[in-house]
Amino acid sequence: MNAITPVIEGRLRALVPMLASNHDGEVVAAARTLDRTLHSVGLDLHDLARLAIEGGMRGPIEPRVATPMRRESWRSVVAFCARHLDKLKPREASFVRSLAEKTSTAWSPSPKQRDWLFNIYMRLEGGTHA
């Protein structure tokens, strides 16, 4: 089994909590990204489960109080993506700009829009650009 680097560990720590989202699209996008991340280092979900059960991820895992994904979370993702517009394809940048204009309203993106936004975010956060 391959070692989990600090970069991969950081991605896993960001992705796993997203599996608890109330939005099905976010859960699916997180699961797919989690799977791709693991495969990039020669691992799969079975390896991740084994690591979690055996406590193999750099020390013990401290229990956390489960909290539902905040309604504002998409707004913070938009803000992050908006700071990196230069790394996006023109269509993605236009999409992020349009969402950024709506962050101060009660409007909320559709599941399809959340999926696209999440995928853009994960690509930016992971350092792989268009």
C-alpha atoms as a PDB file:
ATOM      1  CA  MET A   1       0.000   0.000   0.000  1.00  0.00           C
ATOM      2  CA  ASN A   2       1.261   3.478  -0.870  1.00  0.00           C
ATOM      3  CA  ALA A   3       1.878   6.117   1.763  1.00  0.00           C
ATOM      4  CA  ILE A   4      -0.526   9.011   2.097  1.00  0.00           C
ATOM      5  CA  THR A   5       1.415  12.228   1.607  1.00  0.00           C
ATOM      6  CA  PRO A   6       0.566  15.382   3.569  1.00  0.00           C
ATOM      7  CA  VAL A   7      -1.038  16.856   0.421  1.00  0.00           C
ATOM      8  CA  ILE A   8      -3.261  13.813  -0.075  1.00  0.00           C
ATOM      9  CA  GLU A   9      -4.060  13.727   3.635  1.00  0.00           C
ATOM     10  CA  GLY A  10      -5.182  17.365   3.448  1.00  0.00           C
ATOM     11  CA  ARG A  11      -7.467  16.575   0.535  1.00  0.00           C
ATOM     12  CA  LEU A  12      -8.932  13.585   2.345  1.00  0.00           C
ATOM     13  CA  ARG A  13      -9.564  15.656   5.463  1.00  0.00           C
ATOM     14  CA  ALA A  14     -11.438  18.192   3.298  1.00  0.00           C
ATOM     15  CA  LEU A  15     -13.390  15.615   1.283  1.00  0.00           C
ATOM     16  CA  VAL A  16     -14.597  13.114   3.869  1.00  0.00           C
ATOM     17  CA  PRO A  17     -16.746  15.608   5.849  1.00  0.00           C
ATOM     18  CA  MET A  18     -18.395  16.675   2.589  1.00  0.00           C
ATOM     19  CA  LEU A  19     -19.893  13.186   2.369  1.00  0.00           C
ATOM     20  CA  ALA A  20     -22.267  14.306   5.163  1.00  0.00           C
ATOM     21  CA  SER A  21     -23.773  17.123   3.086  1.00  0.00           C
ATOM     22  CA  ASN A  22     -27.535  17.459   2.862  1.00  0.00           C
ATOM     23  CA  HIS A  23     -27.140  18.000  -0.888  1.00  0.00           C
ATOM     24  CA  ASP A  24     -26.961  14.791  -2.886  1.00  0.00           C
ATOM     25  CA  GLY A  25     -24.931  16.395  -5.662  1.00  0.00           C
ATOM     26  CA  GLU A  26     -22.255  17.517  -3.204  1.00  0.00           C
ATOM     27  CA  VAL A  27     -22.092  14.024  -1.724  1.00  0.00           C
ATOM     28  CA  VAL A  28     -21.654  12.408  -5.132  1.00  0.00           C
ATOM     29  CA  ALA A  29     -19.064  14.984  -6.218  1.00  0.00           C
ATOM     30  CA  ALA A  30     -17.149  14.506  -2.963  1.00  0.00           C
ATOM     31  CA  ALA A  31     -17.251  10.716  -3.306  1.00  0.00           C
ATOM     32  CA  ARG A  32     -16.014  10.815  -6.900  1.00  0.00           C
ATOM     33  CA  THR A  33     -13.245  13.274  -6.020  1.00  0.00           C
ATOM     34  CA  LEU A  34     -12.296  11.163  -3.009  1.00  0.00           C
ATOM     35  CA  ASP A  35     -12.067   8.100  -5.235  1.00  0.00           C
ATOM     36  CA  ARG A  36      -9.914   9.938  -7.831  1.00  0.00           C
ATOM     37  CA  THR A  37      -7.669  11.318  -5.085  1.00  0.00           C
ATOM     38  CA  LEU A  38      -7.093   7.875  -3.625  1.00  0.00           C
ATOM     39  CA  HIS A  39      -6.470   6.316  -7.040  1.00  0.00           C
ATOM     40  CA  SER A  40      -3.869   9.003  -7.781  1.00  0.00           C
ATOM     41  CA  VAL A  41      -1.670   7.368  -5.116  1.00  0.00           C
ATOM     42  CA  GLY A  42      -2.635   3.790  -5.868  1.00  0.00           C
ATOM     43  CA  LEU A  43      -5.255   3.426  -3.124  1.00  0.00           C
ATOM     44  CA  ASP A  44      -9.004   2.880  -3.048  1.00  0.00           C
ATOM     45  CA  LEU A  45     -11.872   3.298  -0.596  1.00  0.00           C
ATOM     46  CA  HIS A  46     -11.150  -0.090   0.972  1.00  0.00           C
ATOM     47  CA  ASP A  47      -7.633   1.121   1.816  1.00  0.00           C
ATOM     48  CA  LEU A  48      -9.033   4.324   3.304  1.00  0.00           C
ATOM     49  CA  ALA A  49     -11.478   2.351   5.458  1.00  0.00           C
ATOM     50  CA  ARG A  50      -8.667   0.078   6.634  1.00  0.00           C
ATOM     51  CA  LEU A  51      -6.518   3.114   7.508  1.00  0.00           C
ATOM     52  CA  ALA A  52      -9.375   4.721   9.416  1.00  0.00           C
ATOM     53  CA  ILE A  53     -10.125   1.530  11.356  1.00  0.00           C
ATOM     54  CA  GLU A  54      -6.474   0.893  12.142  1.00  0.00           C
ATOM     55  CA  GLY A  55      -5.772   4.549  12.952  1.00  0.00           C
ATOM     56  CA  GLY A  56      -3.079   4.633  10.297  1.00  0.00           C
ATOM     57  CA  MET A  57      -3.388   8.281   9.288  1.00  0.00           C
ATOM     58  CA  ARG A  58      -0.640   9.950  11.348  1.00  0.00           C
ATOM     59  CA  GLY A  59      -1.917   9.446  14.830  1.00  0.00           C
ATOM     60  CA  PRO A  60      -5.307   8.974  16.402  1.00  0.00           C
ATOM     61  CA  ILE A  61      -8.409  10.509  14.923  1.00  0.00           C
ATOM     62  CA  GLU A  62     -10.089  12.780  17.424  1.00  0.00           C
ATOM     63  CA  PRO A  63     -13.884  12.513  17.576  1.00  0.00           C
ATOM     64  CA  ARG A  64     -15.792  15.501  16.279  1.00  0.00           C
ATOM     65  CA  VAL A  65     -19.322  16.644  16.828  1.00  0.00           C
ATOM     66  CA  ALA A  66     -21.200  16.118  13.586  1.00  0.00           C
ATOM     67  CA  THR A  67     -22.638  19.295  12.146  1.00  0.00           C
ATOM     68  CA  PRO A  68     -24.751  19.647   9.025  1.00  0.00           C
ATOM     69  CA  MET A  69     -23.154  21.482   6.129  1.00  0.00           C
ATOM     70  CA  ARG A  70     -23.775  25.180   6.618  1.00  0.00           C
ATOM     71  CA  ARG A  71     -26.009  26.974   4.148  1.00  0.00           C
ATOM     72  CA  GLU A  72     -23.237  29.563   3.741  1.00  0.00           C
ATOM     73  CA  SER A  73     -20.646  26.988   2.681  1.00  0.00           C
ATOM     74  CA  TRP A  74     -21.216  27.523  -1.037  1.00  0.00           C
ATOM     75  CA  ARG A  75     -20.551  31.219  -0.492  1.00  0.00           C
ATOM     76  CA  SER A  76     -17.104  30.538   0.967  1.00  0.00           C
ATOM     77  CA  VAL A  77     -16.319  28.200  -1.934  1.00  0.00           C
ATOM     78  CA  VAL A  78     -17.350  30.927  -4.399  1.00  0.00           C
ATOM     79  CA  ALA A  79     -15.115  33.431  -2.578  1.00  0.00           C
ATOM     80  CA  PHE A  80     -12.164  31.031  -2.814  1.00  0.00           C
ATOM     81  CA  CYS A  81     -12.771  30.367  -6.517  1.00  0.00           C
ATOM     82  CA  ALA A  82     -13.224  34.084  -7.225  1.00  0.00           C
ATOM     83  CA  ARG A  83      -9.735  34.724  -5.834  1.00  0.00           C
ATOM     84  CA  HIS A  84      -8.365  32.328  -8.473  1.00  0.00           C
ATOM     85  CA  LEU A  85     -10.270  33.384 -11.602  1.00  0.00           C
ATOM     86  CA  ASP A  86      -6.994  33.577 -13.530  1.00  0.00           C
ATOM     87  CA  LYS A  87      -6.615  29.794 -13.169  1.00  0.00           C
ATOM     88  CA  LEU A  88     -10.069  29.009 -14.596  1.00  0.00           C
ATOM     89  CA  LYS A  89     -11.356  28.425 -18.104  1.00  0.00           C
ATOM     90  CA  PRO A  90     -13.366  31.411 -19.394  1.00  0.00           C
ATOM     91  CA  ARG A  91     -16.702  29.625 -18.945  1.00  0.00           C
ATOM     92  CA  GLU A  92     -15.817  28.615 -15.380  1.00  0.00           C
ATOM     93  CA  ALA A  93     -14.674  32.138 -14.524  1.00  0.00           C
ATOM     94  CA  SER A  94     -17.940  33.548 -15.868  1.00  0.00           C
ATOM     95  CA  PHE A  95     -19.887  31.012 -13.801  1.00  0.00           C
ATOM     96  CA  VAL A  96     -17.980  31.868 -10.617  1.00  0.00           C
ATOM     97  CA  ARG A  97     -18.448  35.607 -11.243  1.00  0.00           C
ATOM     98  CA  SER A  98     -22.206  35.106 -11.683  1.00  0.00           C
ATOM     99  CA  LEU A  99     -22.395  33.208  -8.388  1.00  0.00           C
ATOM    100  CA  ALA A 100     -20.262  35.803  -6.625  1.00  0.00           C
ATOM    101  CA  GLU A 101     -22.838  38.449  -7.554  1.00  0.00           C
ATOM    102  CA  LYS A 102     -25.506  36.428  -5.724  1.00  0.00           C
ATOM    103  CA  THR A 103     -23.674  35.682  -2.475  1.00  0.00           C
ATOM    104  CA  SER A 104     -25.342  38.535  -0.601  1.00  0.00           C
ATOM    105  CA  THR A 105     -28.850  37.384  -1.548  1.00  0.00           C
ATOM    106  CA  ALA A 106     -31.097  34.590  -0.281  1.00  0.00           C
ATOM    107  CA  TRP A 107     -30.605  32.762  -3.600  1.00  0.00           C
ATOM    108  CA  SER A 108     -28.964  29.345  -3.485  1.00  0.00           C
ATOM    109  CA  PRO A 109     -27.399  27.379  -6.366  1.00  0.00           C
ATOM    110  CA  SER A 110     -29.139  24.362  -7.837  1.00  0.00           C
ATOM    111  CA  PRO A 111     -27.658  20.902  -7.183  1.00  0.00           C
ATOM    112  CA  LYS A 112     -26.136  20.921 -10.691  1.00  0.00           C
ATOM    113  CA  GLN A 113     -24.558  24.327 -10.052  1.00  0.00           C
ATOM    114  CA  ARG A 114     -23.261  23.144  -6.653  1.00  0.00           C
ATOM    115  CA  ASP A 115     -21.677  20.121  -8.321  1.00  0.00           C
ATOM    116  CA  TRP A 116     -19.921  22.260 -10.919  1.00  0.00           C
ATOM    117  CA  LEU A 117     -18.783  24.762  -8.278  1.00  0.00           C
ATOM    118  CA  PHE A 118     -17.499  21.960  -6.038  1.00  0.00           C
ATOM    119  CA  ASN A 119     -15.573  20.398  -8.925  1.00  0.00           C
ATOM    120  CA  ILE A 120     -13.980  23.754  -9.779  1.00  0.00           C
ATOM    121  CA  TYR A 121     -13.079  24.259  -6.117  1.00  0.00           C
ATOM    122  CA  MET A 122     -11.533  20.811  -5.736  1.00  0.00           C
ATOM    123  CA  ARG A 123      -9.441  21.281  -8.859  1.00  0.00           C
ATOM    124  CA  LEU A 124      -8.198  24.666  -7.618  1.00  0.00           C
ATOM    125  CA  GLU A 125      -7.615  23.409  -4.081  1.00  0.00           C
ATOM    126  CA  GLY A 126      -5.733  20.416  -5.424  1.00  0.00           C
ATOM    127  CA  GLY A 127      -3.474  22.566  -7.574  1.00  0.00           C
ATOM    128  CA  THR A 128      -4.559  21.139 -10.941  1.00  0.00           C
ATOM    129  CA  HIS A 129      -5.633  23.936 -13.219  1.00  0.00           C
ATOM    130  CA  ALA A 130      -7.444  24.133 -16.534  1.00  0.00           C
END
